[in-house]
Amino acid sequence: IGLLLGSLIAYVAAKLIGIGFSISASTITLAVGFSAAIGIIFGYMPARKASRLNPIDALRSI
């Protein structure tokens, strides 16, 4: 959704100021790769911490 919305905003902005607009496959691949890497990096530590909890103790603290 973000990729489509960002592309649409960039296209409209380019048309308003009168410059060309193009997106290559490598740009899309790079954006998706960075997004996936950030999600994996920042999701790893909380998931690791949660995996070390005893389920009964975790439910008891709710």
PDB file of N, CA and C in Angstrom:
ATOM      1  N   ILE A   1       0.839  -1.187   0.000  1.00  0.00           N
ATOM      2  CA  ILE A   1       0.000   0.000   0.000  1.00  0.00           C
ATOM      3  C   ILE A   1       0.881   1.246   0.000  1.00  0.00           C
ATOM      4  N   GLY A   2       1.917   1.239   0.824  1.00  0.00           N
ATOM      5  CA  GLY A   2       2.807   2.394   0.913  1.00  0.00           C
ATOM      6  C   GLY A   2       3.528   2.662  -0.394  1.00  0.00           C
ATOM      7  N   LEU A   3       3.941   1.592  -1.068  1.00  0.00           N
ATOM      8  CA  LEU A   3       4.631   1.748  -2.344  1.00  0.00           C
ATOM      9  C   LEU A   3       3.716   2.395  -3.376  1.00  0.00           C
ATOM     10  N   LEU A   4       2.481   1.945  -3.441  1.00  0.00           N
ATOM     11  CA  LEU A   4       1.533   2.516  -4.396  1.00  0.00           C
ATOM     12  C   LEU A   4       1.187   3.958  -4.059  1.00  0.00           C
ATOM     13  N   LEU A   5       0.947   4.223  -2.783  1.00  0.00           N
ATOM     14  CA  LEU A   5       0.602   5.576  -2.365  1.00  0.00           C
ATOM     15  C   LEU A   5       1.772   6.531  -2.592  1.00  0.00           C
ATOM     16  N   GLY A   6       2.970   6.107  -2.251  1.00  0.00           N
ATOM     17  CA  GLY A   6       4.151   6.938  -2.474  1.00  0.00           C
ATOM     18  C   GLY A   6       4.391   7.211  -3.948  1.00  0.00           C
ATOM     19  N   SER A   7       4.193   6.201  -4.778  1.00  0.00           N
ATOM     20  CA  SER A   7       4.359   6.372  -6.223  1.00  0.00           C
ATOM     21  C   SER A   7       3.324   7.333  -6.788  1.00  0.00           C
ATOM     22  N   LEU A   8       2.096   7.224  -6.311  1.00  0.00           N
ATOM     23  CA  LEU A   8       1.037   8.115  -6.772  1.00  0.00           C
ATOM     24  C   LEU A   8       1.335   9.563  -6.385  1.00  0.00           C
ATOM     25  N   ILE A   9       1.758   9.779  -5.151  1.00  0.00           N
ATOM     26  CA  ILE A   9       2.081  11.135  -4.698  1.00  0.00           C
ATOM     27  C   ILE A   9       3.262  11.692  -5.492  1.00  0.00           C
ATOM     28  N   ALA A  10       4.282  10.862  -5.728  1.00  0.00           N
ATOM     29  CA  ALA A  10       5.437  11.308  -6.504  1.00  0.00           C
ATOM     30  C   ALA A  10       5.037  11.640  -7.939  1.00  0.00           C
ATOM     31  N   TYR A  11       4.152  10.847  -8.519  1.00  0.00           N
ATOM     32  CA  TYR A  11       3.685  11.099  -9.888  1.00  0.00           C
ATOM     33  C   TYR A  11       2.931  12.422  -9.973  1.00  0.00           C
ATOM     34  N   VAL A  12       2.021  12.639  -9.040  1.00  0.00           N
ATOM     35  CA  VAL A  12       1.239  13.882  -9.029  1.00  0.00           C
ATOM     36  C   VAL A  12       2.160  15.079  -8.816  1.00  0.00           C
ATOM     37  N   ALA A  13       3.106  14.963  -7.890  1.00  0.00           N
ATOM     38  CA  ALA A  13       4.038  16.063  -7.633  1.00  0.00           C
ATOM     39  C   ALA A  13       4.890  16.353  -8.863  1.00  0.00           C
ATOM     40  N   ALA A  14       5.337  15.317  -9.552  1.00  0.00           N
ATOM     41  CA  ALA A  14       6.143  15.504 -10.761  1.00  0.00           C
ATOM     42  C   ALA A  14       5.342  16.204 -11.849  1.00  0.00           C
ATOM     43  N   LYS A  15       4.089  15.848 -12.000  1.00  0.00           N
ATOM     44  CA  LYS A  15       3.243  16.497 -13.003  1.00  0.00           C
ATOM     45  C   LYS A  15       2.979  17.954 -12.648  1.00  0.00           C
ATOM     46  N   LEU A  16       2.794  18.239 -11.358  1.00  0.00           N
ATOM     47  CA  LEU A  16       2.522  19.614 -10.936  1.00  0.00           C
ATOM     48  C   LEU A  16       3.702  20.539 -11.191  1.00  0.00           C
ATOM     49  N   ILE A  17       4.911  20.046 -10.995  1.00  0.00           N
ATOM     50  CA  ILE A  17       6.069  20.919 -11.208  1.00  0.00           C
ATOM     51  C   ILE A  17       6.697  20.727 -12.581  1.00  0.00           C
ATOM     52  N   GLY A  18       6.138  19.841 -13.382  1.00  0.00           N
ATOM     53  CA  GLY A  18       6.535  19.708 -14.774  1.00  0.00           C
ATOM     54  C   GLY A  18       7.830  18.956 -15.022  1.00  0.00           C
ATOM     55  N   ILE A  19       8.119  17.942 -14.236  1.00  0.00           N
ATOM     56  CA  ILE A  19       9.303  17.125 -14.488  1.00  0.00           C
ATOM     57  C   ILE A  19       8.869  15.707 -14.820  1.00  0.00           C
ATOM     58  N   GLY A  20       9.798  14.923 -15.354  1.00  0.00           N
ATOM     59  CA  GLY A  20       9.493  13.547 -15.718  1.00  0.00           C
ATOM     60  C   GLY A  20       9.395  12.642 -14.502  1.00  0.00           C
ATOM     61  N   PHE A  21       8.701  11.538 -14.675  1.00  0.00           N
ATOM     62  CA  PHE A  21       8.507  10.579 -13.585  1.00  0.00           C
ATOM     63  C   PHE A  21       8.722   9.178 -14.122  1.00  0.00           C
ATOM     64  N   SER A  22       9.603   8.427 -13.479  1.00  0.00           N
ATOM     65  CA  SER A  22       9.789   7.023 -13.857  1.00  0.00           C
ATOM     66  C   SER A  22      10.253   6.236 -12.640  1.00  0.00           C
ATOM     67  N   ILE A  23       9.810   5.002 -12.577  1.00  0.00           N
ATOM     68  CA  ILE A  23      10.223   4.091 -11.513  1.00  0.00           C
ATOM     69  C   ILE A  23      10.703   2.813 -12.186  1.00  0.00           C
ATOM     70  N   SER A  24      11.916   2.404 -11.850  1.00  0.00           N
ATOM     71  CA  SER A  24      12.459   1.184 -12.440  1.00  0.00           C
ATOM     72  C   SER A  24      12.212  -0.010 -11.516  1.00  0.00           C
ATOM     73  N   ALA A  25      12.357  -1.189 -12.074  1.00  0.00           N
ATOM     74  CA  ALA A  25      12.173  -2.408 -11.283  1.00  0.00           C
ATOM     75  C   ALA A  25      13.220  -2.496 -10.180  1.00  0.00           C
ATOM     76  N   SER A  26      14.427  -2.006 -10.450  1.00  0.00           N
ATOM     77  CA  SER A  26      15.469  -2.059  -9.420  1.00  0.00           C
ATOM     78  C   SER A  26      15.136  -1.140  -8.248  1.00  0.00           C
ATOM     79  N   THR A  27      14.485  -0.017  -8.516  1.00  0.00           N
ATOM     80  CA  THR A  27      14.078   0.887  -7.439  1.00  0.00           C
ATOM     81  C   THR A  27      13.026   0.222  -6.558  1.00  0.00           C
ATOM     82  N   ILE A  28      12.072  -0.436  -7.170  1.00  0.00           N
ATOM     83  CA  ILE A  28      11.028  -1.130  -6.412  1.00  0.00           C
ATOM     84  C   ILE A  28      11.638  -2.269  -5.597  1.00  0.00           C
ATOM     85  N   THR A  29      12.538  -3.034  -6.210  1.00  0.00           N
ATOM     86  CA  THR A  29      13.201  -4.133  -5.508  1.00  0.00           C
ATOM     87  C   THR A  29      13.999  -3.620  -4.315  1.00  0.00           C
ATOM     88  N   LEU A  30      14.711  -2.526  -4.498  1.00  0.00           N
ATOM     89  CA  LEU A  30      15.492  -1.934  -3.415  1.00  0.00           C
ATOM     90  C   LEU A  30      14.589  -1.468  -2.276  1.00  0.00           C
ATOM     91  N   ALA A  31      13.484  -0.825  -2.599  1.00  0.00           N
ATOM     92  CA  ALA A  31      12.554  -0.340  -1.573  1.00  0.00           C
ATOM     93  C   ALA A  31      11.938  -1.500  -0.798  1.00  0.00           C
ATOM     94  N   VAL A  32      11.525  -2.531  -1.490  1.00  0.00           N
ATOM     95  CA  VAL A  32      10.938  -3.698  -0.826  1.00  0.00           C
ATOM     96  C   VAL A  32      11.987  -4.406   0.031  1.00  0.00           C
ATOM     97  N   GLY A  33      13.207  -4.492  -0.468  1.00  0.00           N
ATOM     98  CA  GLY A  33      14.288  -5.124   0.292  1.00  0.00           C
ATOM     99  C   GLY A  33      14.602  -4.384   1.580  1.00  0.00           C
ATOM    100  N   PHE A  34      14.711  -3.051   1.501  1.00  0.00           N
ATOM    101  CA  PHE A  34      14.968  -2.261   2.703  1.00  0.00           C
ATOM    102  C   PHE A  34      13.812  -2.378   3.693  1.00  0.00           C
ATOM    103  N   SER A  35      12.595  -2.355   3.202  1.00  0.00           N
ATOM    104  CA  SER A  35      11.435  -2.482   4.089  1.00  0.00           C
ATOM    105  C   SER A  35      11.428  -3.831   4.800  1.00  0.00           C
ATOM    106  N   ALA A  36      11.716  -4.879   4.067  1.00  0.00           N
ATOM    107  CA  ALA A  36      11.762  -6.212   4.669  1.00  0.00           C
ATOM    108  C   ALA A  36      12.885  -6.309   5.696  1.00  0.00           C
ATOM    109  N   ALA A  37      14.048  -5.757   5.369  1.00  0.00           N
ATOM    110  CA  ALA A  37      15.183  -5.803   6.295  1.00  0.00           C
ATOM    111  C   ALA A  37      14.873  -5.058   7.587  1.00  0.00           C
ATOM    112  N   ILE A  38      14.268  -3.900   7.485  1.00  0.00           N
ATOM    113  CA  ILE A  38      13.914  -3.123   8.677  1.00  0.00           C
ATOM    114  C   ILE A  38      12.897  -3.887   9.522  1.00  0.00           C
ATOM    115  N   GLY A  39      11.909  -4.482   8.885  1.00  0.00           N
ATOM    116  CA  GLY A  39      10.915  -5.264   9.616  1.00  0.00           C
ATOM    117  C   GLY A  39      11.527  -6.452  10.334  1.00  0.00           C
ATOM    118  N   ILE A  40      12.443  -7.132   9.669  1.00  0.00           N
ATOM    119  CA  ILE A  40      13.093  -8.293  10.283  1.00  0.00           C
ATOM    120  C   ILE A  40      14.002  -7.860  11.432  1.00  0.00           C
ATOM    121  N   ILE A  41      14.793  -6.821  11.213  1.00  0.00           N
ATOM    122  CA  ILE A  41      15.728  -6.360  12.243  1.00  0.00           C
ATOM    123  C   ILE A  41      14.991  -5.891  13.493  1.00  0.00           C
ATOM    124  N   PHE A  42      13.979  -5.057  13.323  1.00  0.00           N
ATOM    125  CA  PHE A  42      13.289  -4.505  14.485  1.00  0.00           C
ATOM    126  C   PHE A  42      12.227  -5.444  15.061  1.00  0.00           C
ATOM    127  N   GLY A  43      11.911  -6.523  14.377  1.00  0.00           N
ATOM    128  CA  GLY A  43      10.996  -7.516  14.918  1.00  0.00           C
ATOM    129  C   GLY A  43      11.709  -8.656  15.627  1.00  0.00           C
ATOM    130  N   TYR A  44      12.996  -8.800  15.367  1.00  0.00           N
ATOM    131  CA  TYR A  44      13.756  -9.917  15.926  1.00  0.00           C
ATOM    132  C   TYR A  44      13.891  -9.834  17.444  1.00  0.00           C
ATOM    133  N   MET A  45      14.302  -8.700  17.958  1.00  0.00           N
ATOM    134  CA  MET A  45      14.558  -8.594  19.402  1.00  0.00           C
ATOM    135  C   MET A  45      13.294  -8.808  20.242  1.00  0.00           C
ATOM    136  N   PRO A  46      12.165  -8.169  19.935  1.00  0.00           N
ATOM    137  CA  PRO A  46      10.958  -8.447  20.730  1.00  0.00           C
ATOM    138  C   PRO A  46      10.512  -9.911  20.626  1.00  0.00           C
ATOM    139  N   ALA A  47      10.662 -10.495  19.448  1.00  0.00           N
ATOM    140  CA  ALA A  47      10.272 -11.895  19.276  1.00  0.00           C
ATOM    141  C   ALA A  47      11.193 -12.813  20.069  1.00  0.00           C
ATOM    142  N   ARG A  48      12.465 -12.494  20.080  1.00  0.00           N
ATOM    143  CA  ARG A  48      13.419 -13.298  20.849  1.00  0.00           C
ATOM    144  C   ARG A  48      13.128 -13.200  22.341  1.00  0.00           C
ATOM    145  N   LYS A  49      12.850 -11.988  22.803  1.00  0.00           N
ATOM    146  CA  LYS A  49      12.533 -11.795  24.222  1.00  0.00           C
ATOM    147  C   LYS A  49      11.255 -12.560  24.592  1.00  0.00           C
ATOM    148  N   ALA A  50      10.253 -12.490  23.736  1.00  0.00           N
ATOM    149  CA  ALA A  50       8.987 -13.176  24.006  1.00  0.00           C
ATOM    150  C   ALA A  50       9.154 -14.695  23.981  1.00  0.00           C
ATOM    151  N   SER A  51      10.037 -15.184  23.138  1.00  0.00           N
ATOM    152  CA  SER A  51      10.225 -16.637  23.054  1.00  0.00           C
ATOM    153  C   SER A  51      10.901 -17.207  24.293  1.00  0.00           C
ATOM    154  N   ARG A  52      11.576 -16.368  25.049  1.00  0.00           N
ATOM    155  CA  ARG A  52      12.253 -16.829  26.263  1.00  0.00           C
ATOM    156  C   ARG A  52      11.349 -16.798  27.495  1.00  0.00           C
ATOM    157  N   LEU A  53      10.167 -16.224  27.357  1.00  0.00           N
ATOM    158  CA  LEU A  53       9.253 -16.159  28.494  1.00  0.00           C
ATOM    159  C   LEU A  53       8.564 -17.502  28.713  1.00  0.00           C
ATOM    160  N   ASN A  54       8.319 -17.789  29.957  1.00  0.00           N
ATOM    161  CA  ASN A  54       7.500 -18.948  30.296  1.00  0.00           C
ATOM    162  C   ASN A  54       6.048 -18.560  29.996  1.00  0.00           C
ATOM    163  N   PRO A  55       5.315 -19.327  29.183  1.00  0.00           N
ATOM    164  CA  PRO A  55       3.948 -18.944  28.811  1.00  0.00           C
ATOM    165  C   PRO A  55       3.023 -18.733  30.007  1.00  0.00           C
ATOM    166  N   ILE A  56       3.177 -19.525  31.031  1.00  0.00           N
ATOM    167  CA  ILE A  56       2.303 -19.395  32.202  1.00  0.00           C
ATOM    168  C   ILE A  56       2.592 -18.088  32.934  1.00  0.00           C
ATOM    169  N   ASP A  57       3.868 -17.746  33.081  1.00  0.00           N
ATOM    170  CA  ASP A  57       4.225 -16.482  33.735  1.00  0.00           C
ATOM    171  C   ASP A  57       3.765 -15.289  32.902  1.00  0.00           C
ATOM    172  N   ALA A  58       3.877 -15.403  31.587  1.00  0.00           N
ATOM    173  CA  ALA A  58       3.449 -14.308  30.713  1.00  0.00           C
ATOM    174  C   ALA A  58       1.944 -14.088  30.820  1.00  0.00           C
ATOM    175  N   LEU A  59       1.174 -15.166  30.840  1.00  0.00           N
ATOM    176  CA  LEU A  59      -0.281 -15.039  30.959  1.00  0.00           C
ATOM    177  C   LEU A  59      -0.694 -14.563  32.350  1.00  0.00           C
ATOM    178  N   ARG A  60       0.062 -14.927  33.348  1.00  0.00           N
ATOM    179  CA  ARG A  60      -0.250 -14.523  34.712  1.00  0.00           C
ATOM    180  C   ARG A  60      -0.080 -13.010  34.886  1.00  0.00           C
ATOM    181  N   SER A  61       0.837 -12.406  34.142  1.00  0.00           N
ATOM    182  CA  SER A  61       1.107 -10.974  34.303  1.00  0.00           C
ATOM    183  C   SER A  61       0.122 -10.088  33.546  1.00  0.00           C
ATOM    184  N   ILE A  62      -0.803 -10.674  32.823  1.00  0.00           N
ATOM    185  CA  ILE A  62      -1.770  -9.874  32.054  1.00  0.00           C
ATOM    186  C   ILE A  62      -2.821  -9.291  32.959  1.00  0.00           C
TER     187      ILE A  62
END
